[in-house]
């Protein structure tokens, strides 16, 4: 059985921009200087490898309360995780000497991960026993679903951020204003993807816990006691 928790939103936003002072105030418009001198926008979305730890200390009664108690089933195993994101923001920026106006093309690095991930098996079942192995095999299907899903989120976030920022030059009242607004723009684009992705992967995990899968598990687990 798979379980998603609420995502950590906006974790670890950091801005590190290379700033230059523009001394060309009277030679040409500041907007033109920005277009000519700023480096290209860079968007890089990466994923952390999916890994998990195990917990065999909780009873099946506790797992049932943590999982799908409303289904009326006794939960023998459970996989829990969070979908997290973090972003490092930077860019080559120019600040006008007169008035402090700031322009930049952003450099955005986003990291996506399912962390932490814990696979729990009821303490009633000894590791290596028949029921333990069958239950662990089922939980590995949940882990595999998370593993295959994460690159899809990566591609979607990469695509949408590139469409949002493109090679546009962004203008701000000051460097501090640039930092604040760039944080907000990135958060407002990534956080909704995390929310929607959480809903989507929850649906995929529910498909793993299909009636057919439960029938298969019940059949094999019953055979363990014969």
Protein backbone atom coordinates (compact mmCIF):
# COMPACT_ATOMS: atom_id res chain seq x y z
CA UNK A 1 0.00 0.00 0.00
CA UNK A 2 1.38 3.44 -0.91
CA UNK A 3 0.81 6.65 0.97
CA UNK A 4 1.66 10.24 0.01
CA UNK A 5 2.10 12.96 2.59
CA UNK A 6 1.78 16.69 2.03
CA UNK A 7 4.75 18.12 0.11
CA UNK A 8 7.27 20.47 1.60
CA UNK A 9 6.65 23.57 -0.46
CA UNK A 10 9.36 26.06 -1.33
CA UNK A 11 12.07 24.22 0.57
CA UNK A 12 15.54 25.73 0.29
CA UNK A 13 15.19 28.67 -2.06
CA UNK A 14 18.51 30.41 -2.57
CA UNK A 15 19.59 33.25 -4.85
CA UNK A 16 23.18 33.63 -5.99
CA UNK A 17 23.49 36.17 -8.79
CA UNK A 18 26.55 37.59 -10.47
CA UNK A 19 25.96 41.34 -10.33
CA UNK A 20 27.66 44.00 -12.41
CA UNK A 21 27.18 47.74 -12.21
CA UNK A 22 26.16 49.35 -15.46
CA UNK A 23 28.06 52.56 -16.04
CA UNK A 24 26.41 53.18 -19.43
CA UNK A 25 23.52 55.24 -18.13
CA UNK A 26 23.90 58.03 -20.64
CA UNK A 27 25.21 56.12 -23.67
CA UNK A 28 22.21 53.92 -24.47
CA UNK A 29 18.94 52.83 -22.84
CA UNK A 30 19.33 50.50 -19.90
CA UNK A 31 16.92 48.00 -21.49
CA UNK A 32 19.13 47.78 -24.56
CA UNK A 33 22.25 47.27 -22.47
CA UNK A 34 20.53 44.42 -20.64
CA UNK A 35 19.51 42.70 -23.88
CA UNK A 36 23.07 42.91 -25.21
CA UNK A 37 25.11 42.04 -22.15
CA UNK A 38 23.14 39.50 -20.15
CA UNK A 39 23.93 35.80 -20.52
CA UNK A 40 21.24 33.31 -21.60
CA UNK A 41 18.53 31.94 -19.35
CA UNK A 42 19.36 28.50 -17.96
CA UNK A 43 16.83 26.04 -16.56
CA UNK A 44 18.00 22.78 -15.04
CA UNK A 45 15.58 20.38 -13.34
CA UNK A 46 17.14 17.32 -11.73
CA UNK A 47 15.84 14.43 -9.66
CA UNK A 48 17.34 12.67 -6.67
CA UNK A 49 17.70 8.89 -6.89
CA UNK A 50 14.79 7.10 -5.24
CA UNK A 51 15.90 5.21 -2.16
CA UNK A 52 14.14 3.91 0.92
CA UNK A 53 14.65 2.75 4.46
CA UNK A 54 12.74 -0.05 6.16
CA UNK A 55 10.79 -0.13 9.39
CA UNK A 56 9.67 -3.45 10.89
CA UNK A 57 8.78 -2.13 14.34
CA UNK A 58 5.07 -1.37 13.95
CA UNK A 59 2.21 -3.83 14.26
CA UNK A 60 -0.28 -4.49 11.48
CA UNK A 61 -2.86 -2.75 13.68
CA UNK A 62 -0.70 0.38 13.67
CA UNK A 63 -0.12 0.11 9.93
CA UNK A 64 -3.84 -0.26 9.33
CA UNK A 65 -4.47 2.94 11.29
CA UNK A 66 -1.73 4.73 9.31
CA UNK A 67 -2.91 3.42 5.95
CA UNK A 68 -6.35 2.68 4.57
CA UNK A 69 -8.29 1.83 7.69
CA UNK A 70 -11.48 2.95 5.92
CA UNK A 71 -11.19 0.00 3.50
CA UNK A 72 -11.64 -2.44 6.33
CA UNK A 73 -8.52 -4.35 5.34
CA UNK A 74 -5.72 -5.37 7.62
CA UNK A 75 -2.63 -3.59 6.30
CA UNK A 76 0.47 -5.79 6.35
CA UNK A 77 2.82 -3.34 4.63
CA UNK A 78 2.92 0.35 3.81
CA UNK A 79 5.15 2.68 1.79
CA UNK A 80 5.27 6.32 2.85
CA UNK A 81 7.02 9.24 1.21
CA UNK A 82 7.00 12.98 0.53
CA UNK A 83 7.30 14.71 -2.82
CA UNK A 84 9.73 17.56 -2.21
CA UNK A 85 11.25 20.32 -4.28
CA UNK A 86 13.97 22.87 -3.76
CA UNK A 87 15.38 25.57 -6.01
CA UNK A 88 18.61 27.51 -6.36
CA UNK A 89 18.15 30.78 -8.21
CA UNK A 90 20.78 32.91 -9.85
CA UNK A 91 21.60 34.72 -13.05
CA UNK A 92 23.82 37.29 -14.66
CA UNK A 93 22.41 40.61 -13.54
CA UNK A 94 23.04 44.28 -14.19
CA UNK A 95 22.31 47.08 -11.76
CA UNK A 96 22.06 50.63 -13.06
CA UNK A 97 24.23 53.05 -11.10
CA UNK A 98 21.62 55.75 -11.27
CA UNK A 99 18.47 54.68 -9.44
CA UNK A 100 19.49 51.07 -8.75
CA UNK A 101 17.28 49.42 -11.39
CA UNK A 102 18.17 45.77 -11.90
CA UNK A 103 17.79 43.40 -14.85
CA UNK A 104 18.62 39.71 -15.32
CA UNK A 105 18.03 36.52 -17.21
CA UNK A 106 17.54 33.84 -14.56
CA UNK A 107 19.55 30.72 -13.86
CA UNK A 108 17.15 28.29 -12.15
CA UNK A 109 18.09 24.89 -10.77
CA UNK A 110 15.27 22.76 -9.36
CA UNK A 111 15.67 19.49 -7.48
CA UNK A 112 12.78 17.03 -7.12
CA UNK A 113 12.77 14.04 -4.81
CA UNK A 114 10.64 11.53 -3.00
CA UNK A 115 12.17 11.97 0.45
CA UNK A 116 12.11 10.40 2.90
CA UNK A 117 10.72 7.06 1.73
CA UNK A 118 10.01 4.34 4.25
CA UNK A 119 8.80 0.80 3.58
CA UNK A 120 7.03 -0.61 6.63
CA UNK A 121 6.17 -4.29 7.19
CA UNK A 122 4.20 -5.49 10.19
CA UNK A 123 6.38 -6.68 13.06
CA UNK A 124 4.36 -9.90 13.25
CA UNK A 125 6.23 -11.18 10.18
CA UNK A 126 9.84 -12.26 10.45
CA UNK A 127 12.10 -11.01 7.63
CA UNK A 128 12.55 -13.87 5.18
CA UNK A 129 9.26 -15.53 6.11
CA UNK A 130 6.69 -16.38 3.44
CA UNK A 131 4.20 -13.61 4.24
CA UNK A 132 7.01 -11.09 4.77
CA UNK A 133 8.45 -11.77 1.31
CA UNK A 134 5.06 -11.56 -0.40
CA UNK A 135 4.27 -8.29 1.37
CA UNK A 136 7.69 -6.81 0.60
CA UNK A 137 7.26 -7.77 -3.06
CA UNK A 138 4.02 -5.81 -3.15
CA UNK A 139 5.60 -2.76 -1.51
CA UNK A 140 8.39 -2.84 -4.09
CA UNK A 141 5.69 -2.28 -6.72
CA UNK A 142 4.89 1.00 -4.95
CA UNK A 143 8.56 1.96 -4.83
CA UNK A 144 8.87 1.18 -8.53
CA UNK A 145 5.82 3.35 -9.29
CA UNK A 146 7.44 6.31 -7.54
CA UNK A 147 10.72 5.65 -9.36
CA UNK A 148 9.09 5.60 -12.80
CA UNK A 149 6.88 8.60 -12.05
CA UNK A 150 9.58 11.05 -10.97
CA UNK A 151 11.11 11.59 -14.45
CA UNK A 152 7.66 12.54 -15.73
CA UNK A 153 7.44 15.32 -13.16
CA UNK A 154 10.98 16.39 -14.06
CA UNK A 155 10.11 16.72 -17.75
CA UNK A 156 6.93 18.66 -17.02
CA UNK A 157 8.63 21.14 -14.69
CA UNK A 158 11.52 21.63 -17.13
CA UNK A 159 9.12 22.25 -20.01
CA UNK A 160 6.90 24.68 -18.14
CA UNK A 161 9.76 26.68 -16.63
CA UNK A 162 11.38 27.03 -20.05
CA UNK A 163 8.06 28.22 -21.48
CA UNK A 164 7.59 30.69 -18.63
CA UNK A 165 11.03 32.28 -18.59
CA UNK A 166 12.35 31.67 -22.12
CA UNK A 167 15.10 34.17 -22.95
CA UNK A 168 13.14 37.09 -21.52
CA UNK A 169 15.01 39.84 -19.68
CA UNK A 170 13.33 40.65 -16.38
CA UNK A 171 13.46 44.17 -14.96
CA UNK A 172 13.12 45.04 -11.30
CA UNK A 173 13.25 48.14 -9.17
CA UNK A 174 16.32 46.87 -7.33
CA UNK A 175 18.44 43.79 -6.73
CA UNK A 176 16.47 43.04 -3.56
CA UNK A 177 13.22 43.30 -5.54
CA UNK A 178 14.69 40.91 -8.13
CA UNK A 179 15.46 38.33 -5.46
CA UNK A 180 12.01 38.58 -3.94
CA UNK A 181 10.09 38.40 -7.21
CA UNK A 182 12.22 35.64 -8.73
CA UNK A 183 11.59 33.53 -5.65
CA UNK A 184 7.86 34.15 -5.96
CA UNK A 185 7.74 33.41 -9.70
CA UNK A 186 9.61 30.13 -9.30
CA UNK A 187 7.54 29.06 -6.32
CA UNK A 188 4.27 29.91 -8.06
CA UNK A 189 5.22 27.74 -11.03
CA UNK A 190 6.79 24.76 -9.27
CA UNK A 191 4.49 24.37 -6.25
CA UNK A 192 1.32 23.74 -8.31
CA UNK A 193 3.16 21.03 -10.25
CA UNK A 194 4.10 19.36 -6.98
CA UNK A 195 0.48 19.46 -5.84
CA UNK A 196 -0.89 18.07 -9.09
CA UNK A 197 1.85 15.45 -9.28
CA UNK A 198 1.04 14.33 -5.76
CA UNK A 199 -2.57 13.77 -6.80
CA UNK A 200 -1.51 11.94 -9.96
CA UNK A 201 0.91 9.57 -8.26
CA UNK A 202 -1.66 8.85 -5.55
CA UNK A 203 -4.00 7.68 -8.31
CA UNK A 204 -1.25 5.49 -9.77
CA UNK A 205 -0.55 3.98 -6.36
CA UNK A 206 -4.24 3.25 -5.89
CA UNK A 207 -4.10 1.26 -9.13
CA UNK A 208 -1.30 -0.85 -7.62
CA UNK A 209 -3.67 -1.66 -4.75
CA UNK A 210 -6.27 -3.01 -7.15
CA UNK A 211 -8.86 -5.65 -6.22
CA UNK A 212 -6.98 -8.08 -8.46
CA UNK A 213 -3.72 -7.40 -6.61
CA UNK A 214 -5.41 -7.84 -3.24
CA UNK A 215 -6.91 -11.14 -4.42
CA UNK A 216 -3.45 -12.29 -5.52
CA UNK A 217 -1.94 -11.29 -2.18
CA UNK A 218 -4.71 -12.95 -0.19
CA UNK A 219 -4.27 -16.16 -2.18
CA UNK A 220 -0.48 -16.33 -1.73
CA UNK A 221 -0.63 -15.29 1.91
CA UNK A 222 -3.22 -17.98 2.64
CA UNK A 223 -0.90 -20.52 1.01
CA UNK A 224 1.87 -19.47 3.39
CA UNK A 225 -0.07 -20.89 6.32
CA UNK A 226 -0.77 -24.25 4.70
